[in-house]
PDB file of N, CA and C in Angstrom:
ATOM      1  N   MET A   1     280.897-205.065 -32.501  1.00  0.00           N
ATOM      2  CA  MET A   1     281.552-206.271 -32.960  1.00  0.00           C
ATOM      3  C   MET A   1     280.837-207.520 -32.458  1.00  0.00           C
ATOM      4  N   ILE A   2     280.378-207.467 -31.193  1.00  0.00           N
ATOM      5  CA  ILE A   2     279.687-208.622 -30.633  1.00  0.00           C
ATOM      6  C   ILE A   2     278.406-208.917 -31.410  1.00  0.00           C
ATOM      7  N   ASP A   3     277.734-207.870 -31.905  1.00  0.00           N
ATOM      8  CA  ASP A   3     276.512-208.076 -32.691  1.00  0.00           C
ATOM      9  C   ASP A   3     276.800-208.883 -33.952  1.00  0.00           C
ATOM     10  N   PHE A   4     277.924-208.615 -34.597  1.00  0.00           N
ATOM     11  CA  PHE A   4     278.288-209.353 -35.810  1.00  0.00           C
ATOM     12  C   PHE A   4     278.576-210.823 -35.492  1.00  0.00           C
ATOM     13  N   ILE A   5     279.238-211.060 -34.370  1.00  0.00           N
ATOM     14  CA  ILE A   5     279.544-212.433 -33.963  1.00  0.00           C
ATOM     15  C   ILE A   5     278.255-213.189 -33.645  1.00  0.00           C
ATOM     16  N   VAL A   6     277.347-212.540 -32.913  1.00  0.00           N
ATOM     17  CA  VAL A   6     276.063-213.166 -32.589  1.00  0.00           C
ATOM     18  C   VAL A   6     275.282-213.460 -33.865  1.00  0.00           C
ATOM     19  N   ALA A   7     275.278-212.517 -34.809  1.00  0.00           N
ATOM     20  CA  ALA A   7     274.573-212.733 -36.078  1.00  0.00           C
ATOM     21  C   ALA A   7     275.158-213.915 -36.836  1.00  0.00           C
ATOM     22  N   LEU A   8     276.479-214.020 -36.863  1.00  0.00           N
ATOM     23  CA  LEU A   8     277.125-215.134 -37.562  1.00  0.00           C
ATOM     24  C   LEU A   8     276.799-216.471 -36.900  1.00  0.00           C
ATOM     25  N   ILE A   9     276.877-216.518 -35.588  1.00  0.00           N
ATOM     26  CA  ILE A   9     276.600-217.769 -34.872  1.00  0.00           C
ATOM     27  C   ILE A   9     275.138-218.175 -35.018  1.00  0.00           C
ATOM     28  N   THR A  10     274.218-217.228 -34.822  1.00  0.00           N
ATOM     29  CA  THR A  10     272.802-217.584 -34.924  1.00  0.00           C
ATOM     30  C   THR A  10     272.418-217.953 -36.348  1.00  0.00           C
ATOM     31  N   SER A  11     273.027-217.315 -37.335  1.00  0.00           N
ATOM     32  CA  SER A  11     272.715-217.691 -38.720  1.00  0.00           C
ATOM     33  C   SER A  11     273.283-219.065 -39.051  1.00  0.00           C
ATOM     34  N   ALA A  12     274.457-219.390 -38.525  1.00  0.00           N
ATOM     35  CA  ALA A  12     275.021-220.727 -38.741  1.00  0.00           C
ATOM     36  C   ALA A  12     274.138-221.784 -38.089  1.00  0.00           C
ATOM     37  N   LEU A  13     273.659-221.506 -36.886  1.00  0.00           N
ATOM     38  CA  LEU A  13     272.757-222.444 -36.221  1.00  0.00           C
ATOM     39  C   LEU A  13     271.441-222.577 -36.976  1.00  0.00           C
ATOM     40  N   ALA A  14     270.918-221.464 -37.457  1.00  0.00           N
ATOM     41  CA  ALA A  14     269.674-221.512 -38.232  1.00  0.00           C
ATOM     42  C   ALA A  14     269.866-222.327 -39.503  1.00  0.00           C
ATOM     43  N   GLY A  15     271.028-222.214 -40.117  1.00  0.00           N
ATOM     44  CA  GLY A  15     271.320-222.979 -41.329  1.00  0.00           C
ATOM     45  C   GLY A  15     271.357-224.475 -41.088  1.00  0.00           C
ATOM     46  N   THR A  16     271.663-224.884 -39.864  1.00  0.00           N
ATOM     47  CA  THR A  16     271.664-226.309 -39.533  1.00  0.00           C
ATOM     48  C   THR A  16     270.290-226.789 -39.103  1.00  0.00           C
ATOM     49  N   GLY A  17     269.355-225.868 -38.942  1.00  0.00           N
ATOM     50  CA  GLY A  17     268.009-226.239 -38.529  1.00  0.00           C
ATOM     51  C   GLY A  17     267.806-226.211 -37.029  1.00  0.00           C
ATOM     52  N   VAL A  18     268.790-225.729 -36.292  1.00  0.00           N
ATOM     53  CA  VAL A  18     268.700-225.701 -34.838  1.00  0.00           C
ATOM     54  C   VAL A  18     267.698-224.660 -34.356  1.00  0.00           C
ATOM     55  N   GLY A  19     267.515-223.605 -35.086  1.00  0.00           N
ATOM     56  CA  GLY A  19     266.601-222.558 -34.660  1.00  0.00           C
ATOM     57  C   GLY A  19     267.336-221.368 -34.095  1.00  0.00           C
ATOM     58  N   GLY A  20     268.309-220.906 -34.823  1.00  0.00           N
ATOM     59  CA  GLY A  20     269.101-219.765 -34.379  1.00  0.00           C
ATOM     60  C   GLY A  20     268.281-218.509 -34.173  1.00  0.00           C
ATOM     61  N   GLY A  21     267.131-218.420 -34.844  1.00  0.00           N
ATOM     62  CA  GLY A  21     266.274-217.248 -34.701  1.00  0.00           C
ATOM     63  C   GLY A  21     265.795-217.054 -33.280  1.00  0.00           C
ATOM     64  N   GLY A  22     265.455-218.147 -32.612  1.00  0.00           N
ATOM     65  CA  GLY A  22     265.050-218.048 -31.218  1.00  0.00           C
ATOM     66  C   GLY A  22     266.172-217.508 -30.356  1.00  0.00           C
ATOM     67  N   LEU A  23     267.384-217.911 -30.680  1.00  0.00           N
ATOM     68  CA  LEU A  23     268.541-217.401 -29.945  1.00  0.00           C
ATOM     69  C   LEU A  23     268.742-215.916 -30.198  1.00  0.00           C
ATOM     70  N   LEU A  24     268.446-215.475 -31.413  1.00  0.00           N
ATOM     71  CA  LEU A  24     268.583-214.050 -31.726  1.00  0.00           C
ATOM     72  C   LEU A  24     267.585-213.227 -30.916  1.00  0.00           C
ATOM     73  N   VAL A  25     266.355-213.706 -30.781  1.00  0.00           N
ATOM     74  CA  VAL A  25     265.357-212.992 -29.980  1.00  0.00           C
ATOM     75  C   VAL A  25     265.824-212.905 -28.533  1.00  0.00           C
ATOM     76  N   ILE A  26     266.359-213.988 -28.012  1.00  0.00           N
ATOM     77  CA  ILE A  26     266.859-213.980 -26.631  1.00  0.00           C
ATOM     78  C   ILE A  26     267.989-212.964 -26.484  1.00  0.00           C
ATOM     79  N   TYR A  27     268.919-212.958 -27.423  1.00  0.00           N
ATOM     80  CA  TYR A  27     270.027-212.004 -27.381  1.00  0.00           C
ATOM     81  C   TYR A  27     269.512-210.560 -27.435  1.00  0.00           C
ATOM     82  N   LEU A  28     268.607-210.304 -28.374  1.00  0.00           N
ATOM     83  CA  LEU A  28     268.118-208.933 -28.542  1.00  0.00           C
ATOM     84  C   LEU A  28     267.338-208.444 -27.329  1.00  0.00           C
ATOM     85  N   THR A  29     266.557-209.328 -26.704  1.00  0.00           N
ATOM     86  CA  THR A  29     265.752-208.890 -25.563  1.00  0.00           C
ATOM     87  C   THR A  29     266.552-208.839 -24.263  1.00  0.00           C
ATOM     88  N   LEU A  30     267.409-209.825 -24.034  1.00  0.00           N
ATOM     89  CA  LEU A  30     268.128-209.869 -22.759  1.00  0.00           C
ATOM     90  C   LEU A  30     269.413-209.055 -22.750  1.00  0.00           C
ATOM     91  N   VAL A  31     270.165-209.095 -23.832  1.00  0.00           N
ATOM     92  CA  VAL A  31     271.453-208.400 -23.868  1.00  0.00           C
ATOM     93  C   VAL A  31     271.298-206.968 -24.372  1.00  0.00           C
ATOM     94  N   LYS A  32     270.523-206.790 -25.424  1.00  0.00           N
ATOM     95  CA  LYS A  32     270.368-205.457 -26.023  1.00  0.00           C
ATOM     96  C   LYS A  32     269.173-204.689 -25.456  1.00  0.00           C
ATOM     97  N   ASN A  33     268.418-205.316 -24.546  1.00  0.00           N
ATOM     98  CA  ASN A  33     267.245-204.695 -23.917  1.00  0.00           C
ATOM     99  C   ASN A  33     266.223-204.177 -24.929  1.00  0.00           C
ATOM    100  N   MET A  34     266.034-204.917 -25.994  1.00  0.00           N
ATOM    101  CA  MET A  34     265.079-204.539 -27.028  1.00  0.00           C
ATOM    102  C   MET A  34     263.705-205.085 -26.647  1.00  0.00           C
ATOM    103  N   GLU A  35     262.656-204.357 -26.990  1.00  0.00           N
ATOM    104  CA  GLU A  35     261.313-204.853 -26.694  1.00  0.00           C
ATOM    105  C   GLU A  35     261.028-206.106 -27.525  1.00  0.00           C
ATOM    106  N   GLN A  36     260.219-206.982 -26.966  1.00  0.00           N
ATOM    107  CA  GLN A  36     259.958-208.300 -27.544  1.00  0.00           C
ATOM    108  C   GLN A  36     259.448-208.237 -28.985  1.00  0.00           C
ATOM    109  N   LEU A  37     258.436-207.429 -29.247  1.00  0.00           N
ATOM    110  CA  LEU A  37     257.854-207.392 -30.591  1.00  0.00           C
ATOM    111  C   LEU A  37     258.839-206.857 -31.624  1.00  0.00           C
ATOM    112  N   ARG A  38     259.647-205.888 -31.240  1.00  0.00           N
ATOM    113  CA  ARG A  38     260.659-205.376 -32.170  1.00  0.00           C
ATOM    114  C   ARG A  38     261.712-206.451 -32.451  1.00  0.00           C
ATOM    115  N   ALA A  39     262.125-207.167 -31.413  1.00  0.00           N
ATOM    116  CA  ALA A  39     263.100-208.250 -31.589  1.00  0.00           C
ATOM    117  C   ALA A  39     262.538-209.337 -32.499  1.00  0.00           C
ATOM    118  N   GLN A  40     261.260-209.647 -32.349  1.00  0.00           N
ATOM    119  CA  GLN A  40     260.634-210.653 -33.206  1.00  0.00           C
ATOM    120  C   GLN A  40     260.584-210.178 -34.659  1.00  0.00           C
ATOM    121  N   GLY A  41     260.329-208.902 -34.875  1.00  0.00           N
ATOM    122  CA  GLY A  41     260.330-208.365 -36.237  1.00  0.00           C
ATOM    123  C   GLY A  41     261.706-208.456 -36.877  1.00  0.00           C
ATOM    124  N   ILE A  42     262.735-208.102 -36.128  1.00  0.00           N
ATOM    125  CA  ILE A  42     264.108-208.218 -36.636  1.00  0.00           C
ATOM    126  C   ILE A  42     264.435-209.681 -36.903  1.00  0.00           C
ATOM    127  N   ASN A  43     263.995-210.557 -36.012  1.00  0.00           N
ATOM    128  CA  ASN A  43     264.233-211.986 -36.180  1.00  0.00           C
ATOM    129  C   ASN A  43     263.608-212.506 -37.475  1.00  0.00           C
ATOM    130  N   ILE A  44     262.413-212.042 -37.798  1.00  0.00           N
ATOM    131  CA  ILE A  44     261.751-212.486 -39.027  1.00  0.00           C
ATOM    132  C   ILE A  44     262.552-212.048 -40.251  1.00  0.00           C
ATOM    133  N   ALA A  45     262.989-210.795 -40.268  1.00  0.00           N
ATOM    134  CA  ALA A  45     263.795-210.314 -41.400  1.00  0.00           C
ATOM    135  C   ALA A  45     265.108-211.092 -41.493  1.00  0.00           C
ATOM    136  N   PHE A  46     265.718-211.355 -40.358  1.00  0.00           N
ATOM    137  CA  PHE A  46     266.961-212.126 -40.286  1.00  0.00           C
ATOM    138  C   PHE A  46     266.742-213.541 -40.813  1.00  0.00           C
ATOM    139  N   PHE A  47     265.628-214.145 -40.416  1.00  0.00           N
ATOM    140  CA  PHE A  47     265.296-215.501 -40.844  1.00  0.00           C
ATOM    141  C   PHE A  47     265.089-215.568 -42.356  1.00  0.00           C
ATOM    142  N   ILE A  48     264.400-214.585 -42.909  1.00  0.00           N
ATOM    143  CA  ILE A  48     264.158-214.569 -44.359  1.00  0.00           C
ATOM    144  C   ILE A  48     265.481-214.476 -45.113  1.00  0.00           C
ATOM    145  N   ALA A  49     266.362-213.585 -44.681  1.00  0.00           N
ATOM    146  CA  ALA A  49     267.660-213.434 -45.356  1.00  0.00           C
ATOM    147  C   ALA A  49     268.465-214.733 -45.288  1.00  0.00           C
ATOM    148  N   GLY A  50     268.504-215.345 -44.132  1.00  0.00           N
ATOM    149  CA  GLY A  50     269.244-216.599 -43.983  1.00  0.00           C
ATOM    150  C   GLY A  50     268.631-217.732 -44.781  1.00  0.00           C
ATOM    151  N   SER A  51     267.315-217.783 -44.800  1.00  0.00           N
ATOM    152  CA  SER A  51     266.629-218.833 -45.564  1.00  0.00           C
ATOM    153  C   SER A  51     266.898-218.698 -47.050  1.00  0.00           C
ATOM    154  N   LEU A  52     266.844-217.476 -47.543  1.00  0.00           N
ATOM    155  CA  LEU A  52     267.115-217.256 -48.965  1.00  0.00           C
ATOM    156  C   LEU A  52     268.550-217.632 -49.321  1.00  0.00           C
ATOM    157  N   ALA A  53     269.465-217.381 -48.401  1.00  0.00           N
ATOM    158  CA  ALA A  53     270.872-217.707 -48.663  1.00  0.00           C
ATOM    159  C   ALA A  53     271.107-219.218 -48.704  1.00  0.00           C
ATOM    160  N   SER A  54     270.408-219.974 -47.853  1.00  0.00           N
ATOM    161  CA  SER A  54     270.637-221.423 -47.808  1.00  0.00           C
ATOM    162  C   SER A  54     269.735-222.201 -48.765  1.00  0.00           C
ATOM    163  N   MET A  55     268.723-221.565 -49.319  1.00  0.00           N
ATOM    164  CA  MET A  55     267.773-222.250 -50.202  1.00  0.00           C
ATOM    165  C   MET A  55     268.427-222.928 -51.406  1.00  0.00           C
ATOM    166  N   PRO A  56     269.345-222.280 -52.132  1.00  0.00           N
ATOM    167  CA  PRO A  56     269.945-222.966 -53.291  1.00  0.00           C
ATOM    168  C   PRO A  56     270.625-224.291 -52.932  1.00  0.00           C
ATOM    169  N   LEU A  57     271.290-224.337 -51.799  1.00  0.00           N
ATOM    170  CA  LEU A  57     271.950-225.573 -51.380  1.00  0.00           C
ATOM    171  C   LEU A  57     270.929-226.671 -51.103  1.00  0.00           C
ATOM    172  N   HIS A  58     269.852-226.316 -50.425  1.00  0.00           N
ATOM    173  CA  HIS A  58     268.823-227.309 -50.128  1.00  0.00           C
ATOM    174  C   HIS A  58     268.115-227.775 -51.402  1.00  0.00           C
ATOM    175  N   ILE A  59     267.926-226.884 -52.347  1.00  0.00           N
ATOM    176  CA  ILE A  59     267.335-227.280 -53.634  1.00  0.00           C
ATOM    177  C   ILE A  59     268.293-228.216 -54.363  1.00  0.00           C
ATOM    178  N   TRP A  60     269.561-227.860 -54.399  1.00  0.00           N
ATOM    179  CA  TRP A  60     270.577-228.659 -55.091  1.00  0.00           C
ATOM    180  C   TRP A  60     270.667-230.070 -54.496  1.00  0.00           C
ATOM    181  N   LYS A  61     270.557-230.163 -53.169  1.00  0.00           N
ATOM    182  CA  LYS A  61     270.637-231.471 -52.506  1.00  0.00           C
ATOM    183  C   LYS A  61     269.286-232.188 -52.468  1.00  0.00           C
ATOM    184  N   ARG A  62     268.282-231.587 -53.066  1.00  0.00           N
ATOM    185  CA  ARG A  62     266.928-232.162 -53.154  1.00  0.00           C
ATOM    186  C   ARG A  62     266.325-232.450 -51.776  1.00  0.00           C
ATOM    187  N   HIS A  63     266.483-231.518 -50.861  1.00  0.00           N
ATOM    188  CA  HIS A  63     265.924-231.653 -49.519  1.00  0.00           C
ATOM    189  C   HIS A  63     264.533-231.046 -49.409  1.00  0.00           C
ATOM    190  N   ILE A  64     264.044-230.457 -50.481  1.00  0.00           N
ATOM    191  CA  ILE A  64     262.788-229.713 -50.408  1.00  0.00           C
ATOM    192  C   ILE A  64     261.692-230.451 -51.171  1.00  0.00           C
ATOM    193  N   ASN A  65     260.598-230.721 -50.482  1.00  0.00           N
ATOM    194  CA  ASN A  65     259.407-231.310 -51.082  1.00  0.00           C
ATOM    195  C   ASN A  65     258.499-230.137 -51.474  1.00  0.00           C
ATOM    196  N   PHE A  66     258.574-229.700 -52.724  1.00  0.00           N
ATOM    197  CA  PHE A  66     257.883-228.487 -53.144  1.00  0.00           C
ATOM    198  C   PHE A  66     256.366-228.541 -52.993  1.00  0.00           C
ATOM    199  N   PRO A  67     255.684-229.651 -53.311  1.00  0.00           N
ATOM    200  CA  PRO A  67     254.231-229.673 -53.070  1.00  0.00           C
ATOM    201  C   PRO A  67     253.890-229.469 -51.589  1.00  0.00           C
ATOM    202  N   LEU A  68     254.662-230.084 -50.702  1.00  0.00           N
ATOM    203  CA  LEU A  68     254.430-229.905 -49.274  1.00  0.00           C
ATOM    204  C   LEU A  68     254.726-228.470 -48.855  1.00  0.00           C
ATOM    205  N   VAL A  69     255.813-227.906 -49.364  1.00  0.00           N
ATOM    206  CA  VAL A  69     256.174-226.522 -49.038  1.00  0.00           C
ATOM    207  C   VAL A  69     255.071-225.564 -49.476  1.00  0.00           C
ATOM    208  N   PHE A  70     254.501-225.797 -50.646  1.00  0.00           N
ATOM    209  CA  PHE A  70     253.418-224.943 -51.136  1.00  0.00           C
ATOM    210  C   PHE A  70     252.229-225.004 -50.180  1.00  0.00           C
ATOM    211  N   PHE A  71     251.831-226.211 -49.794  1.00  0.00           N
ATOM    212  CA  PHE A  71     250.674-226.390 -48.916  1.00  0.00           C
ATOM    213  C   PHE A  71     250.910-225.760 -47.547  1.00  0.00           C
ATOM    214  N   ILE A  72     252.015-226.114 -46.906  1.00  0.00           N
ATOM    215  CA  ILE A  72     252.261-225.572 -45.568  1.00  0.00           C
ATOM    216  C   ILE A  72     252.644-224.096 -45.623  1.00  0.00           C
ATOM    217  N   GLY A  73     253.165-223.648 -46.777  1.00  0.00           N
ATOM    218  CA  GLY A  73     253.482-222.229 -46.935  1.00  0.00           C
ATOM    219  C   GLY A  73     252.239-221.360 -46.875  1.00  0.00           C
ATOM    220  N   ILE A  74     251.166-221.817 -47.502  1.00  0.00           N
ATOM    221  CA  ILE A  74     249.903-221.075 -47.460  1.00  0.00           C
ATOM    222  C   ILE A  74     249.388-221.010 -46.024  1.00  0.00           C
ATOM    223  N   LEU A  75     249.396-222.151 -45.347  1.00  0.00           N
ATOM    224  CA  LEU A  75     248.947-222.179 -43.953  1.00  0.00           C
ATOM    225  C   LEU A  75     249.869-221.352 -43.059  1.00  0.00           C
ATOM    226  N   GLY A  76     251.168-221.429 -43.319  1.00  0.00           N
ATOM    227  CA  GLY A  76     252.123-220.654 -42.534  1.00  0.00           C
ATOM    228  C   GLY A  76     251.947-219.156 -42.713  1.00  0.00           C
ATOM    229  N   ALA A  77     251.676-218.734 -43.947  1.00  0.00           N
ATOM    230  CA  ALA A  77     251.455-217.307 -44.206  1.00  0.00           C
ATOM    231  C   ALA A  77     250.207-216.817 -43.476  1.00  0.00           C
ATOM    232  N   ALA A  78     249.138-217.593 -43.547  1.00  0.00           N
ATOM    233  CA  ALA A  78     247.901-217.207 -42.859  1.00  0.00           C
ATOM    234  C   ALA A  78     248.118-217.163 -41.348  1.00  0.00           C
ATOM    235  N   GLY A  79     248.786-218.170 -40.813  1.00  0.00           N
ATOM    236  CA  GLY A  79     249.062-218.194 -39.382  1.00  0.00           C
ATOM    237  C   GLY A  79     249.973-217.064 -38.937  1.00  0.00           C
ATOM    238  N   SER A  80     250.915-216.691 -39.781  1.00  0.00           N
ATOM    239  CA  SER A  80     251.828-215.593 -39.449  1.00  0.00           C
ATOM    240  C   SER A  80     251.103-214.257 -39.388  1.00  0.00           C
ATOM    241  N   VAL A  81     250.200-214.032 -40.335  1.00  0.00           N
ATOM    242  CA  VAL A  81     249.406-212.795 -40.310  1.00  0.00           C
ATOM    243  C   VAL A  81     248.547-212.767 -39.053  1.00  0.00           C
ATOM    244  N   LEU A  82     247.889-213.874 -38.761  1.00  0.00           N
ATOM    245  CA  LEU A  82     247.061-213.957 -37.561  1.00  0.00           C
ATOM    246  C   LEU A  82     247.900-213.730 -36.304  1.00  0.00           C
ATOM    247  N   GLY A  83     249.061-214.356 -36.235  1.00  0.00           N
ATOM    248  CA  GLY A  83     249.938-214.194 -35.078  1.00  0.00           C
ATOM    249  C   GLY A  83     250.444-212.770 -34.910  1.00  0.00           C
ATOM    250  N   ALA A  84     250.788-212.114 -36.022  1.00  0.00           N
ATOM    251  CA  ALA A  84     251.259-210.722 -35.951  1.00  0.00           C
ATOM    252  C   ALA A  84     250.149-209.803 -35.451  1.00  0.00           C
ATOM    253  N   LEU A  85     248.933-210.026 -35.927  1.00  0.00           N
ATOM    254  CA  LEU A  85     247.800-209.219 -35.460  1.00  0.00           C
ATOM    255  C   LEU A  85     247.511-209.496 -33.988  1.00  0.00           C
ATOM    256  N   LEU A  86     247.569-210.744 -33.602  1.00  0.00           N
ATOM    257  CA  LEU A  86     247.326-211.123 -32.214  1.00  0.00           C
ATOM    258  C   LEU A  86     248.395-210.541 -31.292  1.00  0.00           C
ATOM    259  N   ALA A  87     249.642-210.577 -31.720  1.00  0.00           N
ATOM    260  CA  ALA A  87     250.741-210.057 -30.902  1.00  0.00           C
ATOM    261  C   ALA A  87     250.584-208.566 -30.629  1.00  0.00           C
ATOM    262  N   GLU A  88     249.989-207.843 -31.570  1.00  0.00           N
ATOM    263  CA  GLU A  88     249.784-206.402 -31.383  1.00  0.00           C
ATOM    264  C   GLU A  88     248.652-206.107 -30.403  1.00  0.00           C
ATOM    265  N   SER A  89     247.740-207.060 -30.212  1.00  0.00           N
ATOM    266  CA  SER A  89     246.568-206.785 -29.385  1.00  0.00           C
ATOM    267  C   SER A  89     246.659-207.379 -27.978  1.00  0.00           C
ATOM    268  N   ILE A  90     247.712-208.125 -27.675  1.00  0.00           N
ATOM    269  CA  ILE A  90     247.867-208.669 -26.326  1.00  0.00           C
ATOM    270  C   ILE A  90     249.084-208.031 -25.661  1.00  0.00           C
ATOM    271  N   SER A  91     249.184-208.210 -24.370  1.00  0.00           N
ATOM    272  CA  SER A  91     250.269-207.555 -23.637  1.00  0.00           C
ATOM    273  C   SER A  91     251.626-208.150 -24.010  1.00  0.00           C
ATOM    274  N   VAL A  92     252.637-207.310 -23.965  1.00  0.00           N
ATOM    275  CA  VAL A  92     253.998-207.736 -24.277  1.00  0.00           C
ATOM    276  C   VAL A  92     254.450-208.812 -23.296  1.00  0.00           C
ATOM    277  N   VAL A  93     254.044-208.694 -22.048  1.00  0.00           N
ATOM    278  CA  VAL A  93     254.419-209.686 -21.035  1.00  0.00           C
ATOM    279  C   VAL A  93     253.873-211.059 -21.420  1.00  0.00           C
ATOM    280  N   LEU A  94     252.637-211.111 -21.911  1.00  0.00           N
ATOM    281  CA  LEU A  94     252.054-212.384 -22.334  1.00  0.00           C
ATOM    282  C   LEU A  94     252.803-212.955 -23.537  1.00  0.00           C
ATOM    283  N   VAL A  95     253.192-212.091 -24.481  1.00  0.00           N
ATOM    284  CA  VAL A  95     253.973-212.543 -25.640  1.00  0.00           C
ATOM    285  C   VAL A  95     255.307-213.114 -25.167  1.00  0.00           C
ATOM    286  N   GLN A  96     255.965-212.428 -24.234  1.00  0.00           N
ATOM    287  CA  GLN A  96     257.240-212.911 -23.707  1.00  0.00           C
ATOM    288  C   GLN A  96     257.081-214.255 -23.006  1.00  0.00           C
ATOM    289  N   LYS A  97     256.028-214.386 -22.208  1.00  0.00           N
ATOM    290  CA  LYS A  97     255.807-215.648 -21.497  1.00  0.00           C
ATOM    291  C   LYS A  97     255.487-216.776 -22.470  1.00  0.00           C
ATOM    292  N   ALA A  98     254.677-216.497 -23.481  1.00  0.00           N
ATOM    293  CA  ALA A  98     254.355-217.520 -24.483  1.00  0.00           C
ATOM    294  C   ALA A  98     255.619-217.959 -25.216  1.00  0.00           C
ATOM    295  N   PHE A  99     256.463-216.994 -25.576  1.00  0.00           N
ATOM    296  CA  PHE A  99     257.730-217.308 -26.237  1.00  0.00           C
ATOM    297  C   PHE A  99     258.601-218.174 -25.332  1.00  0.00           C
ATOM    298  N   GLY A 100     258.680-217.811 -24.063  1.00  0.00           N
ATOM    299  CA  GLY A 100     259.479-218.573 -23.108  1.00  0.00           C
ATOM    300  C   GLY A 100     258.970-219.992 -22.919  1.00  0.00           C
ATOM    301  N   VAL A 101     257.658-220.153 -22.827  1.00  0.00           N
ATOM    302  CA  VAL A 101     257.073-221.487 -22.658  1.00  0.00           C
ATOM    303  C   VAL A 101     257.360-222.347 -23.884  1.00  0.00           C
ATOM    304  N   MET A 102     257.181-221.782 -25.082  1.00  0.00           N
ATOM    305  CA  MET A 102     257.439-222.554 -26.304  1.00  0.00           C
ATOM    306  C   MET A 102     258.916-222.926 -26.412  1.00  0.00           C
ATOM    307  N   LEU A 103     259.789-222.002 -26.050  1.00  0.00           N
ATOM    308  CA  LEU A 103     261.223-222.276 -26.095  1.00  0.00           C
ATOM    309  C   LEU A 103     261.602-223.365 -25.090  1.00  0.00           C
ATOM    310  N   ALA A 104     261.042-223.282 -23.884  1.00  0.00           N
ATOM    311  CA  ALA A 104     261.323-224.292 -22.862  1.00  0.00           C
ATOM    312  C   ALA A 104     260.780-225.660 -23.275  1.00  0.00           C
ATOM    313  N   ALA A 105     259.566-225.693 -23.814  1.00  0.00           N
ATOM    314  CA  ALA A 105     258.974-226.961 -24.256  1.00  0.00           C
ATOM    315  C   ALA A 105     259.807-227.586 -25.368  1.00  0.00           C
ATOM    316  N   SER A 106     260.274-226.760 -26.284  1.00  0.00           N
ATOM    317  CA  SER A 106     261.121-227.252 -27.366  1.00  0.00           C
ATOM    318  C   SER A 106     262.429-227.815 -26.818  1.00  0.00           C
ATOM    319  N   GLY A 107     263.000-227.139 -25.846  1.00  0.00           N
ATOM    320  CA  GLY A 107     264.239-227.606 -25.232  1.00  0.00           C
ATOM    321  C   GLY A 107     264.057-228.922 -24.503  1.00  0.00           C
ATOM    322  N   VAL A 108     262.964-229.053 -23.753  1.00  0.00           N
ATOM    323  CA  VAL A 108     262.691-230.298 -23.029  1.00  0.00           C
ATOM    324  C   VAL A 108     262.485-231.441 -24.013  1.00  0.00           C
ATOM    325  N   LYS A 109     261.732-231.189 -25.070  1.00  0.00           N
ATOM    326  CA  LYS A 109     261.499-232.226 -26.083  1.00  0.00           C
ATOM    327  C   LYS A 109     262.823-232.663 -26.712  1.00  0.00           C
ATOM    328  N   THR A 110     263.675-231.695 -27.011  1.00  0.00           N
ATOM    329  CA  THR A 110     264.973-232.007 -27.611  1.00  0.00           C
ATOM    330  C   THR A 110     265.845-232.815 -26.655  1.00  0.00           C
ATOM    331  N   LEU A 111     265.837-232.454 -25.386  1.00  0.00           N
ATOM    332  CA  LEU A 111     266.655-233.169 -24.402  1.00  0.00           C
ATOM    333  C   LEU A 111     266.257-234.636 -24.264  1.00  0.00           C
ATOM    334  N   PHE A 112     264.963-234.905 -24.358  1.00  0.00           N
ATOM    335  CA  PHE A 112     264.482-236.262 -24.121  1.00  0.00           C
ATOM    336  C   PHE A 112     264.128-237.022 -25.397  1.00  0.00           C
ATOM    337  N   ALA A 113     264.409-236.450 -26.546  1.00  0.00           N
ATOM    338  CA  ALA A 113     264.110-237.122 -27.816  1.00  0.00           C
ATOM    339  C   ALA A 113     265.082-238.269 -28.045  1.00  0.00           C
ATOM    340  N   LYS A 114     264.567-239.324 -28.630  1.00  0.00           N
ATOM    341  CA  LYS A 114     265.425-240.453 -28.982  1.00  0.00           C
ATOM    342  C   LYS A 114     266.187-240.113 -30.252  1.00  0.00           C
ATOM    343  N   VAL A 115     267.442-240.501 -30.288  1.00  0.00           N
ATOM    344  CA  VAL A 115     268.287-240.231 -31.445  1.00  0.00           C
ATOM    345  C   VAL A 115     267.952-241.231 -32.542  1.00  0.00           C
ATOM    346  N   LYS A 116     267.668-240.711 -33.742  1.00  0.00           N
ATOM    347  CA  LYS A 116     267.374-241.578 -34.886  1.00  0.00           C
ATOM    348  C   LYS A 116     268.675-242.029 -35.518  1.00  0.00           C
ATOM    349  N   LYS A 117     268.715-243.283 -35.910  1.00  0.00           N
ATOM    350  CA  LYS A 117     269.931-243.808 -36.541  1.00  0.00           C
ATOM    351  C   LYS A 117     269.772-243.880 -38.028  1.00  0.00           C
TER     352      LYS A 117
END
């Protein structure tokens, strides 16, 4: 039951743009004791499902710049393939530390960011 609640909360956060996927990886690795790379794979599938579900609303509200999405989508796909290959060839501990550093840096930036009016 707790897994369903966590999935609902992280998907709601992801829908707001907060980055619920990062929270899902933390939950899967720390609470469920899942290995990092497996948790990241589940997170990617989870992210795709949530993105597809929220896409019609964002299209309807005209929040999507399609030419920009096309351009960064190509770069994102290439970077994702490179990252997946790299993650398989480096130690899991290094992947975990890199994830932790990026998460901490994102949190610090968010804490000290100026609020836009």
